């Protein structure tokens, strides 16, 4: 199970230009073709947007929008929708932010609204933060919708489903003896790390270590590629293998 932005691909101001590190796509294509591997991407992006960033040859299941979308390899799709009041609130915030001139910073997803500020100076970032907090407060802060930070912005979303929810549902469908790992970099991946627990490898994939529920740490891209190579080798072997993280134990 892999996060995309910041884990498999470096951040890019234009999110549609965020391509994986060199060599990553080749390895994902190999992994997705191995019968002993169930390749899953778990992302804050919308599922279909992420699918469009991957090679057609990469057959990966995608859980998008922090676990609120599931796009299977066969193209079947499920949306865990918000209630009508929550959806209406998202639409009002999006309209107000657009009217205030922030259309280019908005990412409107099926069940959330993200405001990106990575391309702005710190002072402007703080202005955007204050603005969206003010707009949200004027709407009365409806139940179960929260402004949550991520690496490069704020997202207005419900927390009744998270990346951790997705991981729990994925693991529930797999044998308890199947080796599993989750690689992520962002604060939004912490729920997934917690959901893995002692069940498998929870791996923080970023250039600098930080406090995390993850049990291991690796630095992309070199150690990321090494880890993927190890997983490929173990999956190709004839007997179950213990796959060690390419990074340092936390």
C-alpha atoms as a PDB file:
ATOM      1  CA  UNK A   1       0.000   0.000   0.000  1.00  0.00           C
ATOM      2  CA  UNK A   2       1.524   3.242  -1.168  1.00  0.00           C
ATOM      3  CA  UNK A   3       0.778   6.932  -0.891  1.00  0.00           C
ATOM      4  CA  UNK A   4       1.547   8.880  -4.081  1.00  0.00           C
ATOM      5  CA  UNK A   5       2.483  12.550  -3.566  1.00  0.00           C
ATOM      6  CA  UNK A   6       5.664  12.937  -1.553  1.00  0.00           C
ATOM      7  CA  UNK A   7       6.137   9.164  -1.413  1.00  0.00           C
ATOM      8  CA  UNK A   8       6.263   7.872  -4.983  1.00  0.00           C
ATOM      9  CA  UNK A   9       6.436  11.294  -6.623  1.00  0.00           C
ATOM     10  CA  UNK A  10       8.092  14.529  -5.505  1.00  0.00           C
ATOM     11  CA  UNK A  11       5.758  17.434  -4.877  1.00  0.00           C
ATOM     12  CA  UNK A  12       5.069  19.729  -7.812  1.00  0.00           C
ATOM     13  CA  UNK A  13       3.329  23.107  -7.880  1.00  0.00           C
ATOM     14  CA  UNK A  14       1.175  21.780 -10.724  1.00  0.00           C
ATOM     15  CA  UNK A  15      -0.310  18.626  -9.241  1.00  0.00           C
ATOM     16  CA  UNK A  16      -0.964  17.204 -12.715  1.00  0.00           C
ATOM     17  CA  UNK A  17       2.784  17.354 -13.396  1.00  0.00           C
ATOM     18  CA  UNK A  18       3.729  15.346 -10.291  1.00  0.00           C
ATOM     19  CA  UNK A  19       5.461  12.372 -11.919  1.00  0.00           C
ATOM     20  CA  UNK A  20       6.991   9.464  -9.987  1.00  0.00           C
ATOM     21  CA  UNK A  21      10.697   9.387  -9.287  1.00  0.00           C
ATOM     22  CA  UNK A  22      12.659   7.796 -12.152  1.00  0.00           C
ATOM     23  CA  UNK A  23      12.439   4.029 -11.896  1.00  0.00           C
ATOM     24  CA  UNK A  24       9.345   3.939  -9.698  1.00  0.00           C
ATOM     25  CA  UNK A  25       6.840   3.340 -12.496  1.00  0.00           C
ATOM     26  CA  UNK A  26       8.883   0.442 -13.878  1.00  0.00           C
ATOM     27  CA  UNK A  27       8.813  -1.229 -10.485  1.00  0.00           C
ATOM     28  CA  UNK A  28       5.114  -0.576  -9.948  1.00  0.00           C
ATOM     29  CA  UNK A  29       4.365  -2.191 -13.292  1.00  0.00           C
ATOM     30  CA  UNK A  30       6.359  -5.265 -12.269  1.00  0.00           C
ATOM     31  CA  UNK A  31       4.703  -5.454  -8.850  1.00  0.00           C
ATOM     32  CA  UNK A  32       1.212  -5.144 -10.294  1.00  0.00           C
ATOM     33  CA  UNK A  33       1.880  -8.097 -12.578  1.00  0.00           C
ATOM     34  CA  UNK A  34       3.030 -10.498  -9.848  1.00  0.00           C
ATOM     35  CA  UNK A  35       0.349 -12.969  -8.723  1.00  0.00           C
ATOM     36  CA  UNK A  36       1.429 -12.785  -5.073  1.00  0.00           C
ATOM     37  CA  UNK A  37       1.134  -8.980  -4.920  1.00  0.00           C
ATOM     38  CA  UNK A  38      -1.947  -6.851  -4.356  1.00  0.00           C
ATOM     39  CA  UNK A  39      -0.793  -3.340  -5.250  1.00  0.00           C
ATOM     40  CA  UNK A  40      -2.892  -0.558  -3.720  1.00  0.00           C
ATOM     41  CA  UNK A  41      -2.427   3.212  -3.828  1.00  0.00           C
ATOM     42  CA  UNK A  42      -4.006   5.172  -0.980  1.00  0.00           C
ATOM     43  CA  UNK A  43      -4.115   8.896  -1.639  1.00  0.00           C
ATOM     44  CA  UNK A  44      -5.725  12.169  -0.765  1.00  0.00           C
ATOM     45  CA  UNK A  45      -6.182  12.769  -4.495  1.00  0.00           C
ATOM     46  CA  UNK A  46      -9.389  11.782  -6.217  1.00  0.00           C
ATOM     47  CA  UNK A  47      -9.116   8.196  -7.427  1.00  0.00           C
ATOM     48  CA  UNK A  48      -9.678   8.878 -11.127  1.00  0.00           C
ATOM     49  CA  UNK A  49      -7.239  11.791 -11.137  1.00  0.00           C
ATOM     50  CA  UNK A  50      -4.549   9.532  -9.702  1.00  0.00           C
ATOM     51  CA  UNK A  51      -5.383   6.779 -12.173  1.00  0.00           C
ATOM     52  CA  UNK A  52      -4.632   9.272 -14.948  1.00  0.00           C
ATOM     53  CA  UNK A  53      -1.106   9.812 -13.605  1.00  0.00           C
ATOM     54  CA  UNK A  54      -0.208   6.126 -13.780  1.00  0.00           C
ATOM     55  CA  UNK A  55       0.866   4.053 -16.740  1.00  0.00           C
ATOM     56  CA  UNK A  56      -1.955   1.964 -18.213  1.00  0.00           C
ATOM     57  CA  UNK A  57       0.202  -1.129 -17.625  1.00  0.00           C
ATOM     58  CA  UNK A  58       0.181  -0.536 -13.860  1.00  0.00           C
ATOM     59  CA  UNK A  59      -2.785  -2.466 -12.502  1.00  0.00           C
ATOM     60  CA  UNK A  60      -3.289  -0.942  -9.093  1.00  0.00           C
ATOM     61  CA  UNK A  61      -6.358  -0.622  -6.931  1.00  0.00           C
ATOM     62  CA  UNK A  62      -6.806   2.993  -5.832  1.00  0.00           C
ATOM     63  CA  UNK A  63      -8.403   4.312  -2.673  1.00  0.00           C
ATOM     64  CA  UNK A  64      -8.774   8.046  -3.236  1.00  0.00           C
ATOM     65  CA  UNK A  65     -10.003  11.063  -1.263  1.00  0.00           C
ATOM     66  CA  UNK A  66      -8.601   9.684   2.006  1.00  0.00           C
ATOM     67  CA  UNK A  67     -10.541   6.432   1.765  1.00  0.00           C
ATOM     68  CA  UNK A  68     -13.837   7.792   0.453  1.00  0.00           C
ATOM     69  CA  UNK A  69     -13.345   6.369  -3.060  1.00  0.00           C
ATOM     70  CA  UNK A  70     -12.421   2.886  -4.212  1.00  0.00           C
ATOM     71  CA  UNK A  71     -11.434   2.319  -7.836  1.00  0.00           C
ATOM     72  CA  UNK A  72     -10.681  -1.322  -8.588  1.00  0.00           C
ATOM     73  CA  UNK A  73      -8.387  -2.604 -11.315  1.00  0.00           C
ATOM     74  CA  UNK A  74     -11.409  -3.674 -13.379  1.00  0.00           C
ATOM     75  CA  UNK A  75     -12.714  -0.107 -13.391  1.00  0.00           C
ATOM     76  CA  UNK A  76     -15.534  -0.630 -10.898  1.00  0.00           C
ATOM     77  CA  UNK A  77     -15.969   2.344  -8.593  1.00  0.00           C
ATOM     78  CA  UNK A  78     -17.503   3.038  -5.198  1.00  0.00           C
ATOM     79  CA  UNK A  79     -17.976   6.418  -3.539  1.00  0.00           C
ATOM     80  CA  UNK A  80     -18.566   6.664   0.208  1.00  0.00           C
ATOM     81  CA  UNK A  81     -20.538   9.900  -0.082  1.00  0.00           C
ATOM     82  CA  UNK A  82     -20.948  12.696   2.443  1.00  0.00           C
ATOM     83  CA  UNK A  83     -24.369  13.527   3.765  1.00  0.00           C
ATOM     84  CA  UNK A  84     -26.213  16.273   1.836  1.00  0.00           C
ATOM     85  CA  UNK A  85     -25.509  18.964   4.450  1.00  0.00           C
ATOM     86  CA  UNK A  86     -21.778  18.287   4.396  1.00  0.00           C
ATOM     87  CA  UNK A  87     -21.682  18.278   0.602  1.00  0.00           C
ATOM     88  CA  UNK A  88     -23.586  21.547   0.462  1.00  0.00           C
ATOM     89  CA  UNK A  89     -21.114  23.118   2.899  1.00  0.00           C
ATOM     90  CA  UNK A  90     -18.171  22.087   0.719  1.00  0.00           C
ATOM     91  CA  UNK A  91     -19.826  23.633  -2.301  1.00  0.00           C
ATOM     92  CA  UNK A  92     -20.472  26.919  -0.467  1.00  0.00           C
ATOM     93  CA  UNK A  93     -16.864  27.151   0.722  1.00  0.00           C
ATOM     94  CA  UNK A  94     -15.611  26.437  -2.800  1.00  0.00           C
ATOM     95  CA  UNK A  95     -17.855  29.154  -4.232  1.00  0.00           C
ATOM     96  CA  UNK A  96     -16.727  31.714  -1.658  1.00  0.00           C
ATOM     97  CA  UNK A  97     -13.032  30.915  -2.102  1.00  0.00           C
ATOM     98  CA  UNK A  98     -13.399  31.187  -5.876  1.00  0.00           C
ATOM     99  CA  UNK A  99     -15.220  34.511  -5.525  1.00  0.00           C
ATOM    100  CA  UNK A 100     -12.339  35.783  -3.412  1.00  0.00           C
ATOM    101  CA  UNK A 101      -9.890  34.986  -6.213  1.00  0.00           C
ATOM    102  CA  UNK A 102      -8.441  31.678  -5.035  1.00  0.00           C
ATOM    103  CA  UNK A 103      -9.728  29.404  -7.787  1.00  0.00           C
ATOM    104  CA  UNK A 104      -6.201  28.407  -8.826  1.00  0.00           C
ATOM    105  CA  UNK A 105      -5.326  27.222  -5.332  1.00  0.00           C
ATOM    106  CA  UNK A 106      -8.461  25.089  -4.937  1.00  0.00           C
ATOM    107  CA  UNK A 107      -8.646  21.351  -5.520  1.00  0.00           C
ATOM    108  CA  UNK A 108     -12.277  20.284  -5.560  1.00  0.00           C
ATOM    109  CA  UNK A 109     -12.576  16.564  -4.844  1.00  0.00           C
ATOM    110  CA  UNK A 110     -15.673  14.360  -4.710  1.00  0.00           C
ATOM    111  CA  UNK A 111     -15.899  14.621  -0.906  1.00  0.00           C
ATOM    112  CA  UNK A 112     -13.483  17.343   0.185  1.00  0.00           C
ATOM    113  CA  UNK A 113     -11.923  20.666  -0.687  1.00  0.00           C
ATOM    114  CA  UNK A 114      -8.169  21.272  -0.546  1.00  0.00           C
ATOM    115  CA  UNK A 115      -6.477  24.659  -0.608  1.00  0.00           C
ATOM    116  CA  UNK A 116      -2.861  24.500  -1.788  1.00  0.00           C
ATOM    117  CA  UNK A 117      -0.276  27.126  -0.935  1.00  0.00           C
ATOM    118  CA  UNK A 118       3.070  25.440  -1.583  1.00  0.00           C
ATOM    119  CA  UNK A 119       3.937  27.943  -4.345  1.00  0.00           C
ATOM    120  CA  UNK A 120       3.431  31.018  -2.116  1.00  0.00           C
ATOM    121  CA  UNK A 121       5.690  32.812   0.323  1.00  0.00           C
ATOM    122  CA  UNK A 122       5.096  32.109   4.043  1.00  0.00           C
ATOM    123  CA  UNK A 123       3.303  35.426   4.606  1.00  0.00           C
ATOM    124  CA  UNK A 124       0.849  34.700   1.787  1.00  0.00           C
ATOM    125  CA  UNK A 125       0.369  31.150   3.058  1.00  0.00           C
ATOM    126  CA  UNK A 126      -0.685  32.552   6.414  1.00  0.00           C
ATOM    127  CA  UNK A 127      -3.116  34.951   4.710  1.00  0.00           C
ATOM    128  CA  UNK A 128      -4.719  32.052   2.836  1.00  0.00           C
ATOM    129  CA  UNK A 129      -4.911  30.018   6.037  1.00  0.00           C
ATOM    130  CA  UNK A 130      -6.641  32.853   7.885  1.00  0.00           C
ATOM    131  CA  UNK A 131      -9.028  33.443   4.996  1.00  0.00           C
ATOM    132  CA  UNK A 132     -10.265  29.875   4.684  1.00  0.00           C
ATOM    133  CA  UNK A 133     -10.583  29.588   8.460  1.00  0.00           C
ATOM    134  CA  UNK A 134     -12.706  32.744   8.449  1.00  0.00           C
ATOM    135  CA  UNK A 135     -14.917  31.513   5.603  1.00  0.00           C
ATOM    136  CA  UNK A 136     -15.405  28.171   7.315  1.00  0.00           C
ATOM    137  CA  UNK A 137     -16.222  29.777  10.679  1.00  0.00           C
ATOM    138  CA  UNK A 138     -18.943  31.894   9.054  1.00  0.00           C
ATOM    139  CA  UNK A 139     -20.706  28.696   7.990  1.00  0.00           C
ATOM    140  CA  UNK A 140     -21.076  27.553  11.579  1.00  0.00           C
ATOM    141  CA  UNK A 141     -18.538  24.687  11.418  1.00  0.00           C
ATOM    142  CA  UNK A 142     -20.961  21.820  10.692  1.00  0.00           C
ATOM    143  CA  UNK A 143     -20.528  18.517  12.481  1.00  0.00           C
ATOM    144  CA  UNK A 144     -17.897  16.113  11.146  1.00  0.00           C
ATOM    145  CA  UNK A 145     -16.282  18.584   8.728  1.00  0.00           C
ATOM    146  CA  UNK A 146     -12.855  19.768   9.795  1.00  0.00           C
ATOM    147  CA  UNK A 147     -10.031  21.898   8.453  1.00  0.00           C
ATOM    148  CA  UNK A 148      -7.018  19.600   8.548  1.00  0.00           C
ATOM    149  CA  UNK A 149      -3.402  20.366   7.597  1.00  0.00           C
ATOM    150  CA  UNK A 150      -1.405  18.510   4.997  1.00  0.00           C
ATOM    151  CA  UNK A 151       2.042  19.136   3.554  1.00  0.00           C
ATOM    152  CA  UNK A 152       1.328  22.257   1.526  1.00  0.00           C
ATOM    153  CA  UNK A 153      -2.122  23.399   2.529  1.00  0.00           C
ATOM    154  CA  UNK A 154      -5.398  22.827   4.359  1.00  0.00           C
ATOM    155  CA  UNK A 155      -8.198  20.437   3.528  1.00  0.00           C
ATOM    156  CA  UNK A 156     -11.844  20.653   4.506  1.00  0.00           C
ATOM    157  CA  UNK A 157     -13.101  17.104   4.906  1.00  0.00           C
ATOM    158  CA  UNK A 158     -14.937  14.664   7.102  1.00  0.00           C
ATOM    159  CA  UNK A 159     -12.902  12.420   9.396  1.00  0.00           C
ATOM    160  CA  UNK A 160     -15.347   9.530   9.653  1.00  0.00           C
ATOM    161  CA  UNK A 161     -13.317   7.926   6.850  1.00  0.00           C
ATOM    162  CA  UNK A 162      -9.536   8.257   6.588  1.00  0.00           C
ATOM    163  CA  UNK A 163      -6.587   6.495   4.981  1.00  0.00           C
ATOM    164  CA  UNK A 164      -6.639   4.347   8.107  1.00  0.00           C
ATOM    165  CA  UNK A 165     -10.206   3.272   7.317  1.00  0.00           C
ATOM    166  CA  UNK A 166      -9.074   2.239   3.847  1.00  0.00           C
ATOM    167  CA  UNK A 167      -6.163   0.224   5.261  1.00  0.00           C
ATOM    168  CA  UNK A 168      -8.448  -1.547   7.735  1.00  0.00           C
ATOM    169  CA  UNK A 169     -10.865  -2.543   4.973  1.00  0.00           C
ATOM    170  CA  UNK A 170      -8.057  -3.684   2.680  1.00  0.00           C
ATOM    171  CA  UNK A 171      -6.495  -5.831   5.400  1.00  0.00           C
ATOM    172  CA  UNK A 172      -9.865  -7.341   6.313  1.00  0.00           C
ATOM    173  CA  UNK A 173     -10.028  -8.877   2.831  1.00  0.00           C
ATOM    174  CA  UNK A 174      -6.524 -10.396   2.936  1.00  0.00           C
ATOM    175  CA  UNK A 175      -5.134 -13.450   4.754  1.00  0.00           C
ATOM    176  CA  UNK A 176      -3.644 -12.601   8.125  1.00  0.00           C
ATOM    177  CA  UNK A 177      -0.358 -14.215   7.072  1.00  0.00           C
ATOM    178  CA  UNK A 178       0.098 -12.057   3.974  1.00  0.00           C
ATOM    179  CA  UNK A 179       3.103  -9.687   4.284  1.00  0.00           C
ATOM    180  CA  UNK A 180       1.871  -6.097   4.103  1.00  0.00           C
ATOM    181  CA  UNK A 181       3.435  -2.659   4.098  1.00  0.00           C
ATOM    182  CA  UNK A 182       2.243   0.920   3.950  1.00  0.00           C
ATOM    183  CA  UNK A 183       4.518   3.722   2.736  1.00  0.00           C
ATOM    184  CA  UNK A 184       3.542   7.364   3.231  1.00  0.00           C
ATOM    185  CA  UNK A 185       5.040  10.745   4.001  1.00  0.00           C
ATOM    186  CA  UNK A 186       2.317  13.132   5.133  1.00  0.00           C
ATOM    187  CA  UNK A 187       0.369  13.796   8.319  1.00  0.00           C
ATOM    188  CA  UNK A 188      -2.642  12.311   6.532  1.00  0.00           C
ATOM    189  CA  UNK A 189      -0.776   8.969   6.430  1.00  0.00           C
ATOM    190  CA  UNK A 190      -0.577   8.723  10.208  1.00  0.00           C
ATOM    191  CA  UNK A 191      -4.027   7.093  10.424  1.00  0.00           C
ATOM    192  CA  UNK A 192      -2.792   4.443   7.988  1.00  0.00           C
ATOM    193  CA  UNK A 193       0.375   3.836   9.994  1.00  0.00           C
ATOM    194  CA  UNK A 194      -1.734   3.389  13.128  1.00  0.00           C
ATOM    195  CA  UNK A 195      -4.072   1.007  11.315  1.00  0.00           C
ATOM    196  CA  UNK A 196      -1.153  -1.195  10.237  1.00  0.00           C
ATOM    197  CA  UNK A 197       0.059  -1.482  13.828  1.00  0.00           C
ATOM    198  CA  UNK A 198       2.070  -4.694  14.249  1.00  0.00           C
ATOM    199  CA  UNK A 199       0.328  -6.304  11.273  1.00  0.00           C
ATOM    200  CA  UNK A 200       3.076  -5.259   8.847  1.00  0.00           C
ATOM    201  CA  UNK A 201       5.584  -2.591   7.882  1.00  0.00           C
ATOM    202  CA  UNK A 202       4.590   1.023   8.444  1.00  0.00           C
ATOM    203  CA  UNK A 203       7.201   3.134   6.679  1.00  0.00           C
ATOM    204  CA  UNK A 204       7.711   6.885   6.686  1.00  0.00           C
ATOM    205  CA  UNK A 205       9.060   7.795   3.240  1.00  0.00           C
ATOM    206  CA  UNK A 206      10.541  11.286   3.255  1.00  0.00           C
ATOM    207  CA  UNK A 207      13.942  12.948   3.114  1.00  0.00           C
ATOM    208  CA  UNK A 208      13.827  14.048   6.766  1.00  0.00           C
ATOM    209  CA  UNK A 209      12.546  12.015   9.672  1.00  0.00           C
ATOM    210  CA  UNK A 210       9.783  13.354  11.939  1.00  0.00           C
ATOM    211  CA  UNK A 211       7.681  12.040  14.796  1.00  0.00           C
ATOM    212  CA  UNK A 212       5.369   9.376  13.430  1.00  0.00           C
ATOM    213  CA  UNK A 213       3.428   6.203  14.161  1.00  0.00           C
ATOM    214  CA  UNK A 214       5.514   4.583  11.415  1.00  0.00           C
ATOM    215  CA  UNK A 215       7.932   1.912  12.633  1.00  0.00           C
ATOM    216  CA  UNK A 216      10.496   2.478   9.868  1.00  0.00           C
ATOM    217  CA  UNK A 217      11.901   5.339   7.843  1.00  0.00           C
ATOM    218  CA  UNK A 218      13.417   5.486   4.372  1.00  0.00           C
ATOM    219  CA  UNK A 219      14.585   8.297   2.126  1.00  0.00           C
ATOM    220  CA  UNK A 220      13.258   8.478  -1.426  1.00  0.00           C
ATOM    221  CA  UNK A 221      14.173   7.987  -4.115  1.00  0.00           C
ATOM    222  CA  UNK A 222      17.195   5.680  -3.629  1.00  0.00           C
ATOM    223  CA  UNK A 223      15.957   3.811  -0.557  1.00  0.00           C
ATOM    224  CA  UNK A 224      12.427   3.731  -1.960  1.00  0.00           C
ATOM    225  CA  UNK A 225      13.685   1.984  -5.103  1.00  0.00           C
ATOM    226  CA  UNK A 226      15.724  -0.411  -2.978  1.00  0.00           C
ATOM    227  CA  UNK A 227      12.648  -1.267  -0.914  1.00  0.00           C
ATOM    228  CA  UNK A 228      10.525  -1.898  -4.014  1.00  0.00           C
ATOM    229  CA  UNK A 229      13.265  -4.111  -5.442  1.00  0.00           C
ATOM    230  CA  UNK A 230      13.326  -6.123  -2.212  1.00  0.00           C
ATOM    231  CA  UNK A 231       9.558  -6.545  -2.313  1.00  0.00           C
ATOM    232  CA  UNK A 232       9.694  -7.697  -5.931  1.00  0.00           C
ATOM    233  CA  UNK A 233      12.421 -10.221  -5.130  1.00  0.00           C
ATOM    234  CA  UNK A 234      10.496 -11.604  -2.152  1.00  0.00           C
ATOM    235  CA  UNK A 235       7.252 -11.874  -4.130  1.00  0.00           C
ATOM    236  CA  UNK A 236       9.054 -13.768  -6.883  1.00  0.00           C
ATOM    237  CA  UNK A 237      10.622 -16.248  -4.481  1.00  0.00           C
ATOM    238  CA  UNK A 238       9.138 -19.705  -4.037  1.00  0.00           C
ATOM    239  CA  UNK A 239       8.824 -19.457  -0.265  1.00  0.00           C
ATOM    240  CA  UNK A 240       7.495 -16.715   2.021  1.00  0.00           C
ATOM    241  CA  UNK A 241      10.151 -14.119   2.758  1.00  0.00           C
ATOM    242  CA  UNK A 242      10.610 -11.518   5.431  1.00  0.00           C
ATOM    243  CA  UNK A 243      11.003  -8.163   3.744  1.00  0.00           C
ATOM    244  CA  UNK A 244      13.122  -5.684   5.638  1.00  0.00           C
ATOM    245  CA  UNK A 245      12.792  -1.949   5.243  1.00  0.00           C
ATOM    246  CA  UNK A 246      15.422  -0.246   3.137  1.00  0.00           C
ATOM    247  CA  UNK A 247      15.460   2.574   5.694  1.00  0.00           C
ATOM    248  CA  UNK A 248      16.473   2.794   9.321  1.00  0.00           C
ATOM    249  CA  UNK A 249      14.312   1.350  12.089  1.00  0.00           C
ATOM    250  CA  UNK A 250      12.707   4.080  14.181  1.00  0.00           C
END
